[in-house]
Amino acid sequence: NLRSSEPDWPRNDAEVTITVRNIGGGRAPLADCRAIIRQAHAPRQVLRTIKKAVRALAAGDQYTFTFPVKVGLGSFEITATVDRKNKIVEADETNNEAKITIVGK
């Protein structure tokens, strides 16, 4: 789950919250989560990268973290990916990424 507050004006500060959930039936080992904040339109410049270690999660458990983001004018894409190198064996490898767009005013 990936969500953001609306950027406040005039500073354009927003708060991004990422929740990593273990929806499987077994224990998930320690993993890394990477969030990339980039311009949503060309040239899609990366503004910031956040890396966070996610503790081992029991079945049904979750881990949430929050970080601030300052955006300028325009649209910005935030992509959060956990287990991006597919080191954790899962029944569904397609649910490890979430994207949102926020708009700075």
PDB file of N, CA and C in Angstrom:
ATOM      1  N   ASN A   1       0.850  -1.167   0.000  1.00  0.00           N
ATOM      2  CA  ASN A   1       0.000   0.000   0.000  1.00  0.00           C
ATOM      3  C   ASN A   1       0.895   1.228   0.000  1.00  0.00           C
ATOM      4  N   LEU A   2       0.573   2.196  -0.814  1.00  0.00           N
ATOM      5  CA  LEU A   2       1.359   3.418  -0.963  1.00  0.00           C
ATOM      6  C   LEU A   2       0.388   4.575  -1.008  1.00  0.00           C
ATOM      7  N   ARG A   3       0.594   5.562  -0.146  1.00  0.00           N
ATOM      8  CA  ARG A   3      -0.279   6.726  -0.156  1.00  0.00           C
ATOM      9  C   ARG A   3       0.512   7.973   0.210  1.00  0.00           C
ATOM     10  N   SER A   4      -0.054   9.130  -0.098  1.00  0.00           N
ATOM     11  CA  SER A   4       0.609  10.400   0.155  1.00  0.00           C
ATOM     12  C   SER A   4      -0.411  11.437   0.579  1.00  0.00           C
ATOM     13  N   SER A   5       0.026  12.348   1.436  1.00  0.00           N
ATOM     14  CA  SER A   5      -0.801  13.505   1.733  1.00  0.00           C
ATOM     15  C   SER A   5      -0.710  14.455   0.540  1.00  0.00           C
ATOM     16  N   GLU A   6      -1.639  15.385   0.431  1.00  0.00           N
ATOM     17  CA  GLU A   6      -1.568  16.399  -0.616  1.00  0.00           C
ATOM     18  C   GLU A   6      -0.427  17.354  -0.290  1.00  0.00           C
ATOM     19  N   PRO A   7       0.383  17.725  -1.284  1.00  0.00           N
ATOM     20  CA  PRO A   7       1.438  18.708  -1.003  1.00  0.00           C
ATOM     21  C   PRO A   7       0.820  20.016  -0.528  1.00  0.00           C
ATOM     22  N   ASP A   8       1.340  20.553   0.591  1.00  0.00           N
ATOM     23  CA  ASP A   8       0.810  21.811   1.109  1.00  0.00           C
ATOM     24  C   ASP A   8       1.405  22.981   0.335  1.00  0.00           C
ATOM     25  N   TRP A   9       0.662  24.049   0.262  1.00  0.00           N
ATOM     26  CA  TRP A   9       1.118  25.236  -0.452  1.00  0.00           C
ATOM     27  C   TRP A   9       1.526  26.269   0.568  1.00  0.00           C
ATOM     28  N   PRO A  10       2.588  27.018   0.445  1.00  0.00           N
ATOM     29  CA  PRO A  10       3.450  27.183  -0.728  1.00  0.00           C
ATOM     30  C   PRO A  10       4.682  26.286  -0.707  1.00  0.00           C
ATOM     31  N   ARG A  11       4.911  25.519   0.356  1.00  0.00           N
ATOM     32  CA  ARG A  11       6.156  24.758   0.484  1.00  0.00           C
ATOM     33  C   ARG A  11       6.166  23.471  -0.329  1.00  0.00           C
ATOM     34  N   ASN A  12       4.996  22.929  -0.674  1.00  0.00           N
ATOM     35  CA  ASN A  12       4.877  21.676  -1.422  1.00  0.00           C
ATOM     36  C   ASN A  12       5.499  20.487  -0.703  1.00  0.00           C
ATOM     37  N   ASP A  13       5.340  20.459   0.617  1.00  0.00           N
ATOM     38  CA  ASP A  13       5.769  19.305   1.408  1.00  0.00           C
ATOM     39  C   ASP A  13       4.626  18.293   1.449  1.00  0.00           C
ATOM     40  N   ALA A  14       4.960  17.031   1.288  1.00  0.00           N
ATOM     41  CA  ALA A  14       3.977  15.953   1.389  1.00  0.00           C
ATOM     42  C   ALA A  14       4.574  14.861   2.260  1.00  0.00           C
ATOM     43  N   GLU A  15       3.725  14.012   2.781  1.00  0.00           N
ATOM     44  CA  GLU A  15       4.171  12.877   3.583  1.00  0.00           C
ATOM     45  C   GLU A  15       3.747  11.605   2.861  1.00  0.00           C
ATOM     46  N   VAL A  16       4.704  10.726   2.621  1.00  0.00           N
ATOM     47  CA  VAL A  16       4.447   9.474   1.916  1.00  0.00           C
ATOM     48  C   VAL A  16       4.488   8.330   2.932  1.00  0.00           C
ATOM     49  N   THR A  17       3.490   7.455   2.861  1.00  0.00           N
ATOM     50  CA  THR A  17       3.417   6.302   3.755  1.00  0.00           C
ATOM     51  C   THR A  17       3.384   5.030   2.920  1.00  0.00           C
ATOM     52  N   ILE A  18       4.256   4.099   3.271  1.00  0.00           N
ATOM     53  CA  ILE A  18       4.324   2.800   2.589  1.00  0.00           C
ATOM     54  C   ILE A  18       4.035   1.707   3.607  1.00  0.00           C
ATOM     55  N   THR A  19       3.132   0.813   3.259  1.00  0.00           N
ATOM     56  CA  THR A  19       2.831  -0.345   4.098  1.00  0.00           C
ATOM     57  C   THR A  19       3.148  -1.604   3.301  1.00  0.00           C
ATOM     58  N   VAL A  20       4.031  -2.428   3.849  1.00  0.00           N
ATOM     59  CA  VAL A  20       4.390  -3.707   3.244  1.00  0.00           C
ATOM     60  C   VAL A  20       3.638  -4.779   4.020  1.00  0.00           C
ATOM     61  N   ARG A  21       2.861  -5.611   3.315  1.00  0.00           N
ATOM     62  CA  ARG A  21       2.072  -6.658   3.958  1.00  0.00           C
ATOM     63  C   ARG A  21       2.514  -8.030   3.479  1.00  0.00           C
ATOM     64  N   ASN A  22       2.511  -8.980   4.402  1.00  0.00           N
ATOM     65  CA  ASN A  22       2.729 -10.376   4.038  1.00  0.00           C
ATOM     66  C   ASN A  22       1.357 -11.013   3.924  1.00  0.00           C
ATOM     67  N   ILE A  23       0.889 -11.185   2.694  1.00  0.00           N
ATOM     68  CA  ILE A  23      -0.437 -11.766   2.481  1.00  0.00           C
ATOM     69  C   ILE A  23      -0.362 -13.276   2.279  1.00  0.00           C
ATOM     70  N   GLY A  24       0.852 -13.817   2.357  1.00  0.00           N
ATOM     71  CA  GLY A  24       1.027 -15.258   2.195  1.00  0.00           C
ATOM     72  C   GLY A  24       0.738 -16.018   3.482  1.00  0.00           C
ATOM     73  N   GLY A  25       0.820 -17.316   3.396  1.00  0.00           N
ATOM     74  CA  GLY A  25       0.533 -18.176   4.537  1.00  0.00           C
ATOM     75  C   GLY A  25       1.739 -18.480   5.394  1.00  0.00           C
ATOM     76  N   GLY A  26       2.937 -18.117   4.937  1.00  0.00           N
ATOM     77  CA  GLY A  26       4.153 -18.400   5.698  1.00  0.00           C
ATOM     78  C   GLY A  26       4.881 -17.128   6.079  1.00  0.00           C
ATOM     79  N   ARG A  27       5.961 -17.292   6.806  1.00  0.00           N
ATOM     80  CA  ARG A  27       6.782 -16.171   7.267  1.00  0.00           C
ATOM     81  C   ARG A  27       7.594 -15.611   6.094  1.00  0.00           C
ATOM     82  N   ALA A  28       7.652 -14.294   6.007  1.00  0.00           N
ATOM     83  CA  ALA A  28       8.470 -13.628   4.983  1.00  0.00           C
ATOM     84  C   ALA A  28       9.747 -13.122   5.656  1.00  0.00           C
ATOM     85  N   PRO A  29      10.914 -13.415   5.094  1.00  0.00           N
ATOM     86  CA  PRO A  29      12.171 -12.980   5.710  1.00  0.00           C
ATOM     87  C   PRO A  29      12.405 -11.476   5.541  1.00  0.00           C
ATOM     88  N   LEU A  30      13.438 -10.986   6.185  1.00  0.00           N
ATOM     89  CA  LEU A  30      13.866  -9.602   6.046  1.00  0.00           C
ATOM     90  C   LEU A  30      13.980  -9.266   4.568  1.00  0.00           C
ATOM     91  N   ALA A  31      13.504  -8.076   4.185  1.00  0.00           N
ATOM     92  CA  ALA A  31      13.551  -7.646   2.785  1.00  0.00           C
ATOM     93  C   ALA A  31      13.848  -6.155   2.727  1.00  0.00           C
ATOM     94  N   ASP A  32      14.177  -5.671   1.548  1.00  0.00           N
ATOM     95  CA  ASP A  32      14.391  -4.242   1.332  1.00  0.00           C
ATOM     96  C   ASP A  32      13.219  -3.674   0.556  1.00  0.00           C
ATOM     97  N   CYS A  33      12.848  -2.437   0.902  1.00  0.00           N
ATOM     98  CA  CYS A  33      11.849  -1.698   0.141  1.00  0.00           C
ATOM     99  C   CYS A  33      12.536  -0.458  -0.412  1.00  0.00           C
ATOM    100  N   ARG A  34      12.315  -0.186  -1.691  1.00  0.00           N
ATOM    101  CA  ARG A  34      12.908   0.992  -2.326  1.00  0.00           C
ATOM    102  C   ARG A  34      11.786   1.854  -2.889  1.00  0.00           C
ATOM    103  N   ALA A  35      11.834   3.134  -2.549  1.00  0.00           N
ATOM    104  CA  ALA A  35      10.881   4.100  -3.091  1.00  0.00           C
ATOM    105  C   ALA A  35      11.649   5.082  -3.962  1.00  0.00           C
ATOM    106  N   ILE A  36      11.144   5.318  -5.160  1.00  0.00           N
ATOM    107  CA  ILE A  36      11.761   6.261  -6.084  1.00  0.00           C
ATOM    108  C   ILE A  36      10.756   7.368  -6.370  1.00  0.00           C
ATOM    109  N   ILE A  37      11.190   8.610  -6.184  1.00  0.00           N
ATOM    110  CA  ILE A  37      10.372   9.771  -6.501  1.00  0.00           C
ATOM    111  C   ILE A  37      10.969  10.395  -7.758  1.00  0.00           C
ATOM    112  N   ARG A  38      10.153  10.505  -8.821  1.00  0.00           N
ATOM    113  CA  ARG A  38      10.660  11.056 -10.083  1.00  0.00           C
ATOM    114  C   ARG A  38       9.586  11.924 -10.733  1.00  0.00           C
ATOM    115  N   GLN A  39      10.021  12.742 -11.663  1.00  0.00           N
ATOM    116  CA  GLN A  39       9.077  13.521 -12.442  1.00  0.00           C
ATOM    117  C   GLN A  39       8.192  12.552 -13.220  1.00  0.00           C
ATOM    118  N   ALA A  40       6.906  12.855 -13.291  1.00  0.00           N
ATOM    119  CA  ALA A  40       5.971  11.956 -13.975  1.00  0.00           C
ATOM    120  C   ALA A  40       6.035  12.084 -15.488  1.00  0.00           C
ATOM    121  N   HIS A  41       6.643  13.159 -15.984  1.00  0.00           N
ATOM    122  CA  HIS A  41       6.738  13.376 -17.427  1.00  0.00           C
ATOM    123  C   HIS A  41       8.208  13.507 -17.824  1.00  0.00           C
ATOM    124  N   ALA A  42       8.484  13.355 -19.101  1.00  0.00           N
ATOM    125  CA  ALA A  42       9.855  13.461 -19.605  1.00  0.00           C
ATOM    126  C   ALA A  42      10.488  14.755 -19.102  1.00  0.00           C
ATOM    127  N   PRO A  43      11.701  14.701 -18.655  1.00  0.00           N
ATOM    128  CA  PRO A  43      12.704  13.650 -18.799  1.00  0.00           C
ATOM    129  C   PRO A  43      12.682  12.605 -17.683  1.00  0.00           C
ATOM    130  N   ARG A  44      11.654  12.581 -16.830  1.00  0.00           N
ATOM    131  CA  ARG A  44      11.473  11.595 -15.746  1.00  0.00           C
ATOM    132  C   ARG A  44      12.690  11.529 -14.813  1.00  0.00           C
ATOM    133  N   GLN A  45      13.212  12.664 -14.496  1.00  0.00           N
ATOM    134  CA  GLN A  45      14.377  12.760 -13.617  1.00  0.00           C
ATOM    135  C   GLN A  45      14.046  12.233 -12.224  1.00  0.00           C
ATOM    136  N   VAL A  46      14.941  11.396 -11.680  1.00  0.00           N
ATOM    137  CA  VAL A  46      14.786  10.893 -10.317  1.00  0.00           C
ATOM    138  C   VAL A  46      15.194  11.997  -9.347  1.00  0.00           C
ATOM    139  N   LEU A  47      14.296  12.324  -8.440  1.00  0.00           N
ATOM    140  CA  LEU A  47      14.558  13.372  -7.466  1.00  0.00           C
ATOM    141  C   LEU A  47      15.116  12.817  -6.161  1.00  0.00           C
ATOM    142  N   ARG A  48      14.665  11.619  -5.805  1.00  0.00           N
ATOM    143  CA  ARG A  48      15.081  11.043  -4.526  1.00  0.00           C
ATOM    144  C   ARG A  48      14.811   9.548  -4.533  1.00  0.00           C
ATOM    145  N   THR A  49      15.697   8.810  -3.869  1.00  0.00           N
ATOM    146  CA  THR A  49      15.514   7.373  -3.669  1.00  0.00           C
ATOM    147  C   THR A  49      15.601   7.091  -2.180  1.00  0.00           C
ATOM    148  N   ILE A  50      14.646   6.337  -1.672  1.00  0.00           N
ATOM    149  CA  ILE A  50      14.596   5.960  -0.261  1.00  0.00           C
ATOM    150  C   ILE A  50      14.735   4.438  -0.201  1.00  0.00           C
ATOM    151  N   LYS A  51      15.626   3.945   0.644  1.00  0.00           N
ATOM    152  CA  LYS A  51      15.739   2.499   0.871  1.00  0.00           C
ATOM    153  C   LYS A  51      15.474   2.236   2.346  1.00  0.00           C
ATOM    154  N   LYS A  52      14.676   1.220   2.608  1.00  0.00           N
ATOM    155  CA  LYS A  52      14.301   0.898   3.983  1.00  0.00           C
ATOM    156  C   LYS A  52      14.309  -0.613   4.152  1.00  0.00           C
ATOM    157  N   ALA A  53      14.944  -1.095   5.211  1.00  0.00           N
ATOM    158  CA  ALA A  53      14.906  -2.518   5.543  1.00  0.00           C
ATOM    159  C   ALA A  53      13.552  -2.823   6.180  1.00  0.00           C
ATOM    160  N   VAL A  54      12.921  -3.877   5.719  1.00  0.00           N
ATOM    161  CA  VAL A  54      11.635  -4.311   6.254  1.00  0.00           C
ATOM    162  C   VAL A  54      11.883  -5.579   7.060  1.00  0.00           C
ATOM    163  N   ARG A  55      11.515  -5.539   8.328  1.00  0.00           N
ATOM    164  CA  ARG A  55      11.748  -6.695   9.207  1.00  0.00           C
ATOM    165  C   ARG A  55      11.003  -7.926   8.684  1.00  0.00           C
ATOM    166  N   ALA A  56      11.399  -9.090   9.171  1.00  0.00           N
ATOM    167  CA  ALA A  56      10.700 -10.324   8.819  1.00  0.00           C
ATOM    168  C   ALA A  56       9.237 -10.189   9.245  1.00  0.00           C
ATOM    169  N   LEU A  57       8.338 -10.691   8.418  1.00  0.00           N
ATOM    170  CA  LEU A  57       6.906 -10.557   8.687  1.00  0.00           C
ATOM    171  C   LEU A  57       6.248 -11.924   8.785  1.00  0.00           C
ATOM    172  N   ALA A  58       5.510 -12.125   9.861  1.00  0.00           N
ATOM    173  CA  ALA A  58       4.716 -13.344  10.002  1.00  0.00           C
ATOM    174  C   ALA A  58       3.557 -13.273   9.012  1.00  0.00           C
ATOM    175  N   ALA A  59       2.920 -14.395   8.758  1.00  0.00           N
ATOM    176  CA  ALA A  59       1.757 -14.414   7.862  1.00  0.00           C
ATOM    177  C   ALA A  59       0.718 -13.418   8.373  1.00  0.00           C
ATOM    178  N   GLY A  60       0.250 -12.539   7.486  1.00  0.00           N
ATOM    179  CA  GLY A  60      -0.752 -11.551   7.845  1.00  0.00           C
ATOM    180  C   GLY A  60      -0.206 -10.294   8.510  1.00  0.00           C
ATOM    181  N   ASP A  61       1.091 -10.256   8.804  1.00  0.00           N
ATOM    182  CA  ASP A  61       1.711  -9.107   9.461  1.00  0.00           C
ATOM    183  C   ASP A  61       2.008  -8.009   8.442  1.00  0.00           C
ATOM    184  N   GLN A  62       2.256  -6.801   8.931  1.00  0.00           N
ATOM    185  CA  GLN A  62       2.609  -5.685   8.058  1.00  0.00           C
ATOM    186  C   GLN A  62       3.624  -4.772   8.727  1.00  0.00           C
ATOM    187  N   TYR A  63       4.308  -3.978   7.902  1.00  0.00           N
ATOM    188  CA  TYR A  63       5.308  -3.014   8.370  1.00  0.00           C
ATOM    189  C   TYR A  63       5.046  -1.705   7.634  1.00  0.00           C
ATOM    190  N   THR A  64       4.934  -0.602   8.384  1.00  0.00           N
ATOM    191  CA  THR A  64       4.621   0.702   7.797  1.00  0.00           C
ATOM    192  C   THR A  64       5.716   1.696   8.131  1.00  0.00           C
ATOM    193  N   PHE A  65       6.109   2.513   7.144  1.00  0.00           N
ATOM    194  CA  PHE A  65       7.030   3.611   7.402  1.00  0.00           C
ATOM    195  C   PHE A  65       6.608   4.825   6.593  1.00  0.00           C
ATOM    196  N   THR A  66       7.015   5.991   7.072  1.00  0.00           N
ATOM    197  CA  THR A  66       6.630   7.266   6.481  1.00  0.00           C
ATOM    198  C   THR A  66       7.866   8.127   6.286  1.00  0.00           C
ATOM    199  N   PHE A  67       7.863   8.934   5.215  1.00  0.00           N
ATOM    200  CA  PHE A  67       8.964   9.861   4.991  1.00  0.00           C
ATOM    201  C   PHE A  67       8.430  11.121   4.305  1.00  0.00           C
ATOM    202  N   PRO A  68       9.090  12.266   4.524  1.00  0.00           N
ATOM    203  CA  PRO A  68       8.646  13.506   3.888  1.00  0.00           C
ATOM    204  C   PRO A  68       9.202  13.628   2.468  1.00  0.00           C
ATOM    205  N   VAL A  69       8.458  14.331   1.620  1.00  0.00           N
ATOM    206  CA  VAL A  69       8.873  14.608   0.252  1.00  0.00           C
ATOM    207  C   VAL A  69       8.549  16.062  -0.052  1.00  0.00           C
ATOM    208  N   LYS A  70       9.487  16.764  -0.645  1.00  0.00           N
ATOM    209  CA  LYS A  70       9.245  18.135  -1.110  1.00  0.00           C
ATOM    210  C   LYS A  70       9.239  18.097  -2.632  1.00  0.00           C
ATOM    211  N   VAL A  71       8.121  18.497  -3.225  1.00  0.00           N
ATOM    212  CA  VAL A  71       7.996  18.478  -4.680  1.00  0.00           C
ATOM    213  C   VAL A  71       7.856  19.903  -5.201  1.00  0.00           C
ATOM    214  N   GLY A  72       8.217  20.096  -6.448  1.00  0.00           N
ATOM    215  CA  GLY A  72       8.042  21.386  -7.102  1.00  0.00           C
ATOM    216  C   GLY A  72       6.728  21.408  -7.858  1.00  0.00           C
ATOM    217  N   LEU A  73       6.638  22.311  -8.811  1.00  0.00           N
ATOM    218  CA  LEU A  73       5.453  22.385  -9.655  1.00  0.00           C
ATOM    219  C   LEU A  73       5.403  21.172 -10.578  1.00  0.00           C
ATOM    220  N   GLY A  74       4.223  20.658 -10.811  1.00  0.00           N
ATOM    221  CA  GLY A  74       4.071  19.560 -11.749  1.00  0.00           C
ATOM    222  C   GLY A  74       3.674  18.257 -11.088  1.00  0.00           C
ATOM    223  N   SER A  75       3.718  17.185 -11.876  1.00  0.00           N
ATOM    224  CA  SER A  75       3.325  15.852 -11.423  1.00  0.00           C
ATOM    225  C   SER A  75       4.564  15.020 -11.117  1.00  0.00           C
ATOM    226  N   PHE A  76       4.470  14.231 -10.049  1.00  0.00           N
ATOM    227  CA  PHE A  76       5.573  13.390  -9.620  1.00  0.00           C
ATOM    228  C   PHE A  76       5.057  11.991  -9.337  1.00  0.00           C
ATOM    229  N   GLU A  77       5.816  11.001  -9.791  1.00  0.00           N
ATOM    230  CA  GLU A  77       5.459   9.601  -9.600  1.00  0.00           C
ATOM    231  C   GLU A  77       6.298   9.026  -8.465  1.00  0.00           C
ATOM    232  N   ILE A  78       5.632   8.312  -7.582  1.00  0.00           N
ATOM    233  CA  ILE A  78       6.330   7.611  -6.509  1.00  0.00           C
ATOM    234  C   ILE A  78       6.087   6.126  -6.719  1.00  0.00           C
ATOM    235  N   THR A  79       7.164   5.365  -6.819  1.00  0.00           N
ATOM    236  CA  THR A  79       7.093   3.917  -6.999  1.00  0.00           C
ATOM    237  C   THR A  79       7.759   3.254  -5.807  1.00  0.00           C
ATOM    238  N   ALA A  80       7.039   2.348  -5.158  1.00  0.00           N
ATOM    239  CA  ALA A  80       7.598   1.578  -4.045  1.00  0.00           C
ATOM    240  C   ALA A  80       7.677   0.121  -4.465  1.00  0.00           C
ATOM    241  N   THR A  81       8.859  -0.482  -4.278  1.00  0.00           N
ATOM    242  CA  THR A  81       9.071  -1.871  -4.664  1.00  0.00           C
ATOM    243  C   THR A  81       9.734  -2.615  -3.512  1.00  0.00           C
ATOM    244  N   VAL A  82       9.183  -3.768  -3.183  1.00  0.00           N
ATOM    245  CA  VAL A  82       9.788  -4.636  -2.168  1.00  0.00           C
ATOM    246  C   VAL A  82      10.223  -5.921  -2.863  1.00  0.00           C
ATOM    247  N   ASP A  83      11.326  -6.493  -2.403  1.00  0.00           N
ATOM    248  CA  ASP A  83      11.873  -7.724  -2.991  1.00  0.00           C
ATOM    249  C   ASP A  83      12.032  -7.584  -4.506  1.00  0.00           C
ATOM    250  N   ARG A  84      12.659  -6.477  -4.946  1.00  0.00           N
ATOM    251  CA  ARG A  84      12.756  -6.198  -6.377  1.00  0.00           C
ATOM    252  C   ARG A  84      13.642  -7.182  -7.133  1.00  0.00           C
ATOM    253  N   LYS A  85      14.511  -7.932  -6.436  1.00  0.00           N
ATOM    254  CA  LYS A  85      15.353  -8.934  -7.105  1.00  0.00           C
ATOM    255  C   LYS A  85      14.767 -10.337  -6.979  1.00  0.00           C
ATOM    256  N   ASN A  86      13.532 -10.424  -6.475  1.00  0.00           N
ATOM    257  CA  ASN A  86      12.804 -11.693  -6.330  1.00  0.00           C
ATOM    258  C   ASN A  86      13.586 -12.753  -5.567  1.00  0.00           C
ATOM    259  N   LYS A  87      14.214 -12.349  -4.467  1.00  0.00           N
ATOM    260  CA  LYS A  87      14.944 -13.291  -3.626  1.00  0.00           C
ATOM    261  C   LYS A  87      14.000 -14.121  -2.758  1.00  0.00           C
ATOM    262  N   ILE A  88      12.819 -13.579  -2.467  1.00  0.00           N
ATOM    263  CA  ILE A  88      11.834 -14.279  -1.648  1.00  0.00           C
ATOM    264  C   ILE A  88      10.922 -15.071  -2.573  1.00  0.00           C
ATOM    265  N   VAL A  89      10.807 -16.362  -2.331  1.00  0.00           N
ATOM    266  CA  VAL A  89       9.951 -17.216  -3.145  1.00  0.00           C
ATOM    267  C   VAL A  89       8.502 -16.947  -2.755  1.00  0.00           C
ATOM    268  N   GLU A  90       7.682 -16.600  -3.768  1.00  0.00           N
ATOM    269  CA  GLU A  90       6.286 -16.257  -3.520  1.00  0.00           C
ATOM    270  C   GLU A  90       5.394 -16.934  -4.555  1.00  0.00           C
ATOM    271  N   ALA A  91       4.145 -17.149  -4.185  1.00  0.00           N
ATOM    272  CA  ALA A  91       3.164 -17.684  -5.129  1.00  0.00           C
ATOM    273  C   ALA A  91       2.825 -16.632  -6.186  1.00  0.00           C
ATOM    274  N   ASP A  92       2.870 -15.340  -5.813  1.00  0.00           N
ATOM    275  CA  ASP A  92       2.552 -14.244  -6.735  1.00  0.00           C
ATOM    276  C   ASP A  92       3.680 -13.219  -6.689  1.00  0.00           C
ATOM    277  N   GLU A  93       4.492 -13.169  -7.720  1.00  0.00           N
ATOM    278  CA  GLU A  93       5.617 -12.224  -7.787  1.00  0.00           C
ATOM    279  C   GLU A  93       5.202 -10.889  -8.407  1.00  0.00           C
ATOM    280  N   THR A  94       3.926 -10.733  -8.748  1.00  0.00           N
ATOM    281  CA  THR A  94       3.475  -9.519  -9.438  1.00  0.00           C
ATOM    282  C   THR A  94       2.927  -8.445  -8.505  1.00  0.00           C
ATOM    283  N   ASN A  95       2.893  -8.703  -7.208  1.00  0.00           N
ATOM    284  CA  ASN A  95       2.270  -7.750  -6.292  1.00  0.00           C
ATOM    285  C   ASN A  95       3.286  -7.041  -5.391  1.00  0.00           C
ATOM    286  N   ASN A  96       4.501  -6.881  -5.860  1.00  0.00           N
ATOM    287  CA  ASN A  96       5.564  -6.296  -5.041  1.00  0.00           C
ATOM    288  C   ASN A  96       5.838  -4.819  -5.353  1.00  0.00           C
ATOM    289  N   GLU A  97       4.982  -4.197  -6.153  1.00  0.00           N
ATOM    290  CA  GLU A  97       5.209  -2.807  -6.538  1.00  0.00           C
ATOM    291  C   GLU A  97       3.897  -2.029  -6.505  1.00  0.00           C
ATOM    292  N   ALA A  98       4.011  -0.774  -6.059  1.00  0.00           N
ATOM    293  CA  ALA A  98       2.851   0.139  -6.057  1.00  0.00           C
ATOM    294  C   ALA A  98       3.324   1.499  -6.574  1.00  0.00           C
ATOM    295  N   LYS A  99       2.421   2.212  -7.280  1.00  0.00           N
ATOM    296  CA  LYS A  99       2.756   3.538  -7.822  1.00  0.00           C
ATOM    297  C   LYS A  99       1.613   4.498  -7.519  1.00  0.00           C
ATOM    298  N   ILE A 100       1.998   5.754  -7.249  1.00  0.00           N
ATOM    299  CA  ILE A 100       1.018   6.826  -7.127  1.00  0.00           C
ATOM    300  C   ILE A 100       1.614   8.065  -7.800  1.00  0.00           C
ATOM    301  N   THR A 101       0.760   9.022  -8.118  1.00  0.00           N
ATOM    302  CA  THR A 101       1.194  10.302  -8.652  1.00  0.00           C
ATOM    303  C   THR A 101       0.695  11.393  -7.720  1.00  0.00           C
ATOM    304  N   ILE A 102       1.582  12.339  -7.404  1.00  0.00           N
ATOM    305  CA  ILE A 102       1.177  13.495  -6.619  1.00  0.00           C
ATOM    306  C   ILE A 102       1.467  14.746  -7.449  1.00  0.00           C
ATOM    307  N   VAL A 103       0.722  15.809  -7.181  1.00  0.00           N
ATOM    308  CA  VAL A 103       0.855  17.035  -7.969  1.00  0.00           C
ATOM    309  C   VAL A 103       1.246  18.187  -7.069  1.00  0.00           C
ATOM    310  N   GLY A 104       2.385  18.796  -7.383  1.00  0.00           N
ATOM    311  CA  GLY A 104       2.815  19.992  -6.680  1.00  0.00           C
ATOM    312  C   GLY A 104       2.187  21.216  -7.320  1.00  0.00           C
ATOM    313  N   LYS A 105       1.844  22.179  -6.501  1.00  0.00           N
ATOM    314  CA  LYS A 105       1.140  23.377  -7.007  1.00  0.00           C
ATOM    315  C   LYS A 105       2.035  24.589  -6.916  1.00  0.00           C
TER     316      LYS A 105
END
